[in-house]
């Protein structure tokens, strides 16, 4: 459970924004999605390899 202490005179909108940011950093949304949608390990590994290849191509183009 996330706890966001309110500071004296703090706007509720600002506190809500801090809560959302903290929630995103915990990775809870991603974990929920991964549990909901199963992917085979081979598909996950293939996606990781493709992402690494894409990033490598970007870095190679940048160095030229």
N, C-alpha and C. Protein backbone atom coordinates (compact mmCIF):
# COMPACT_ATOMS: atom_id res chain seq x y z
N UNK A 1 0.84 -1.17 0.00
CA UNK A 1 0.00 0.00 0.00
C UNK A 1 0.89 1.24 0.00
N UNK A 2 0.58 2.16 -0.87
CA UNK A 2 1.35 3.39 -0.96
C UNK A 2 0.79 4.44 0.00
N UNK A 3 1.69 5.11 0.68
CA UNK A 3 1.29 6.16 1.60
C UNK A 3 1.95 7.45 1.14
N UNK A 4 1.14 8.46 0.91
CA UNK A 4 1.62 9.77 0.49
C UNK A 4 1.25 10.77 1.58
N UNK A 5 2.22 11.19 2.39
CA UNK A 5 1.90 12.18 3.43
C UNK A 5 1.65 13.55 2.82
N UNK A 6 0.59 14.20 3.27
CA UNK A 6 0.27 15.55 2.79
C UNK A 6 1.07 16.57 3.58
N UNK A 7 1.63 17.51 2.87
CA UNK A 7 2.37 18.60 3.52
C UNK A 7 1.39 19.70 3.89
N UNK A 8 1.78 20.57 4.79
CA UNK A 8 0.90 21.64 5.23
C UNK A 8 0.55 22.55 4.06
N UNK A 9 -0.74 22.72 3.82
CA UNK A 9 -1.21 23.61 2.76
C UNK A 9 -1.00 23.07 1.36
N UNK A 10 -0.75 21.77 1.22
CA UNK A 10 -0.51 21.20 -0.11
C UNK A 10 -1.83 20.98 -0.84
N UNK A 11 -1.83 21.28 -2.11
CA UNK A 11 -2.99 21.10 -2.95
C UNK A 11 -3.24 19.61 -3.14
N UNK A 12 -4.50 19.20 -3.16
CA UNK A 12 -4.84 17.78 -3.33
C UNK A 12 -4.43 17.28 -4.73
N UNK A 13 -4.50 18.18 -5.71
CA UNK A 13 -4.10 17.80 -7.07
C UNK A 13 -2.62 17.44 -7.10
N UNK A 14 -1.82 18.19 -6.37
CA UNK A 14 -0.37 17.94 -6.33
C UNK A 14 -0.07 16.60 -5.64
N UNK A 15 -0.80 16.33 -4.57
CA UNK A 15 -0.61 15.08 -3.85
C UNK A 15 -1.04 13.90 -4.73
N UNK A 16 -2.11 14.06 -5.47
CA UNK A 16 -2.56 13.01 -6.37
C UNK A 16 -1.53 12.75 -7.46
N UNK A 17 -0.91 13.80 -7.96
CA UNK A 17 0.13 13.67 -8.97
C UNK A 17 1.33 12.88 -8.40
N UNK A 18 1.70 13.19 -7.15
CA UNK A 18 2.80 12.46 -6.51
C UNK A 18 2.44 10.98 -6.34
N UNK A 19 1.18 10.72 -5.99
CA UNK A 19 0.72 9.34 -5.83
C UNK A 19 0.82 8.57 -7.14
N UNK A 20 0.35 9.19 -8.22
CA UNK A 20 0.39 8.54 -9.53
C UNK A 20 1.82 8.25 -9.95
N UNK A 21 2.72 9.20 -9.72
CA UNK A 21 4.12 9.02 -10.09
C UNK A 21 4.74 7.86 -9.29
N UNK A 22 4.44 7.81 -8.00
CA UNK A 22 4.97 6.76 -7.15
C UNK A 22 4.41 5.40 -7.56
N UNK A 23 3.14 5.38 -7.92
CA UNK A 23 2.49 4.14 -8.36
C UNK A 23 3.15 3.63 -9.65
N UNK A 24 3.44 4.52 -10.59
CA UNK A 24 4.07 4.11 -11.83
C UNK A 24 5.48 3.56 -11.59
N UNK A 25 6.19 4.15 -10.65
CA UNK A 25 7.56 3.70 -10.36
C UNK A 25 7.60 2.33 -9.72
N UNK A 26 6.55 1.94 -9.02
CA UNK A 26 6.55 0.63 -8.37
C UNK A 26 6.39 -0.50 -9.39
N UNK A 27 5.83 -0.20 -10.55
CA UNK A 27 5.66 -1.23 -11.57
C UNK A 27 4.44 -2.11 -11.34
N UNK A 28 3.53 -1.65 -10.52
CA UNK A 28 2.35 -2.45 -10.20
C UNK A 28 1.46 -2.65 -11.42
N UNK A 29 1.31 -1.62 -12.23
CA UNK A 29 0.46 -1.72 -13.42
C UNK A 29 1.03 -2.75 -14.39
N UNK A 30 2.33 -2.72 -14.58
CA UNK A 30 2.98 -3.66 -15.49
C UNK A 30 2.84 -5.09 -14.97
N UNK A 31 2.98 -5.28 -13.67
CA UNK A 31 2.84 -6.60 -13.08
C UNK A 31 1.42 -7.13 -13.26
N UNK A 32 0.44 -6.27 -13.10
CA UNK A 32 -0.96 -6.68 -13.30
C UNK A 32 -1.19 -7.11 -14.74
N UNK A 33 -0.66 -6.37 -15.68
CA UNK A 33 -0.83 -6.71 -17.08
C UNK A 33 -0.15 -8.03 -17.41
N UNK A 34 1.06 -8.23 -16.87
CA UNK A 34 1.78 -9.47 -17.15
C UNK A 34 1.04 -10.68 -16.59
N UNK A 35 0.40 -10.53 -15.45
CA UNK A 35 -0.37 -11.64 -14.89
C UNK A 35 -1.63 -11.90 -15.70
N UNK A 36 -2.20 -10.85 -16.25
CA UNK A 36 -3.44 -10.97 -17.01
C UNK A 36 -3.19 -11.62 -18.38
N UNK A 37 -2.12 -11.22 -19.02
CA UNK A 37 -1.84 -11.65 -20.38
C UNK A 37 -0.60 -12.53 -20.38
N UNK A 38 -0.75 -13.83 -20.57
CA UNK A 38 0.39 -14.74 -20.57
C UNK A 38 1.08 -14.74 -21.92
N UNK A 39 2.41 -14.69 -21.87
CA UNK A 39 3.21 -14.82 -23.09
C UNK A 39 4.19 -15.95 -22.87
N UNK A 40 4.38 -16.73 -23.92
CA UNK A 40 5.33 -17.82 -23.84
C UNK A 40 6.73 -17.26 -23.63
N UNK A 41 7.57 -17.97 -22.91
CA UNK A 41 8.94 -17.49 -22.69
C UNK A 41 9.71 -17.24 -23.98
N UNK A 42 9.45 -18.05 -25.01
CA UNK A 42 10.16 -17.85 -26.28
C UNK A 42 9.74 -16.54 -26.93
N UNK A 43 8.49 -16.15 -26.77
CA UNK A 43 8.02 -14.88 -27.33
C UNK A 43 8.63 -13.70 -26.59
N UNK A 44 8.73 -13.82 -25.28
CA UNK A 44 9.33 -12.77 -24.46
C UNK A 44 10.80 -12.59 -24.84
N UNK A 45 11.51 -13.70 -24.97
CA UNK A 45 12.93 -13.63 -25.32
C UNK A 45 13.13 -13.03 -26.70
N UNK A 46 12.28 -13.40 -27.64
CA UNK A 46 12.39 -12.86 -29.00
C UNK A 46 12.16 -11.35 -29.00
N UNK A 47 11.20 -10.88 -28.22
CA UNK A 47 10.93 -9.44 -28.13
C UNK A 47 12.12 -8.71 -27.53
N UNK A 48 12.76 -9.31 -26.53
CA UNK A 48 13.94 -8.69 -25.92
C UNK A 48 15.08 -8.59 -26.94
N UNK A 49 15.28 -9.63 -27.73
CA UNK A 49 16.34 -9.63 -28.74
C UNK A 49 16.06 -8.58 -29.80
N UNK A 50 14.81 -8.48 -30.24
CA UNK A 50 14.45 -7.48 -31.24
C UNK A 50 14.66 -6.06 -30.71
N UNK A 51 14.32 -5.83 -29.46
CA UNK A 51 14.51 -4.52 -28.87
C UNK A 51 16.00 -4.18 -28.78
N UNK A 52 16.81 -5.17 -28.40
CA UNK A 52 18.25 -4.95 -28.31
C UNK A 52 18.84 -4.64 -29.69
N UNK A 53 18.36 -5.33 -30.71
CA UNK A 53 18.84 -5.08 -32.07
C UNK A 53 18.46 -3.66 -32.52
N UNK A 54 17.26 -3.25 -32.21
CA UNK A 54 16.78 -1.92 -32.58
C UNK A 54 17.64 -0.84 -31.92
N UNK A 55 17.89 -1.01 -30.63
CA UNK A 55 18.70 -0.03 -29.89
C UNK A 55 20.12 0.00 -30.44
N UNK A 56 20.66 -1.16 -30.77
CA UNK A 56 22.01 -1.22 -31.31
C UNK A 56 22.09 -0.50 -32.66
N UNK A 57 21.06 -0.67 -33.49
CA UNK A 57 21.02 0.04 -34.79
C UNK A 57 20.99 1.55 -34.58
N UNK A 58 20.22 2.02 -33.60
CA UNK A 58 20.15 3.44 -33.31
C UNK A 58 21.52 3.97 -32.87
N UNK A 59 22.19 3.22 -32.02
CA UNK A 59 23.51 3.65 -31.54
C UNK A 59 24.54 3.63 -32.67
N UNK A 60 24.44 2.66 -33.56
CA UNK A 60 25.36 2.61 -34.70
C UNK A 60 25.15 3.80 -35.62
N UNK A 61 23.90 4.16 -35.87
CA UNK A 61 23.60 5.31 -36.73
C UNK A 61 24.07 6.60 -36.07
N UNK A 62 23.96 6.68 -34.77
CA UNK A 62 24.35 7.88 -34.03
C UNK A 62 25.87 8.09 -34.10
N UNK A 63 26.63 7.00 -34.10
CA UNK A 63 28.08 7.11 -34.10
C UNK A 63 28.65 7.44 -35.47
N UNK A 64 27.86 7.32 -36.52
CA UNK A 64 28.35 7.61 -37.88
C UNK A 64 28.49 9.08 -38.13
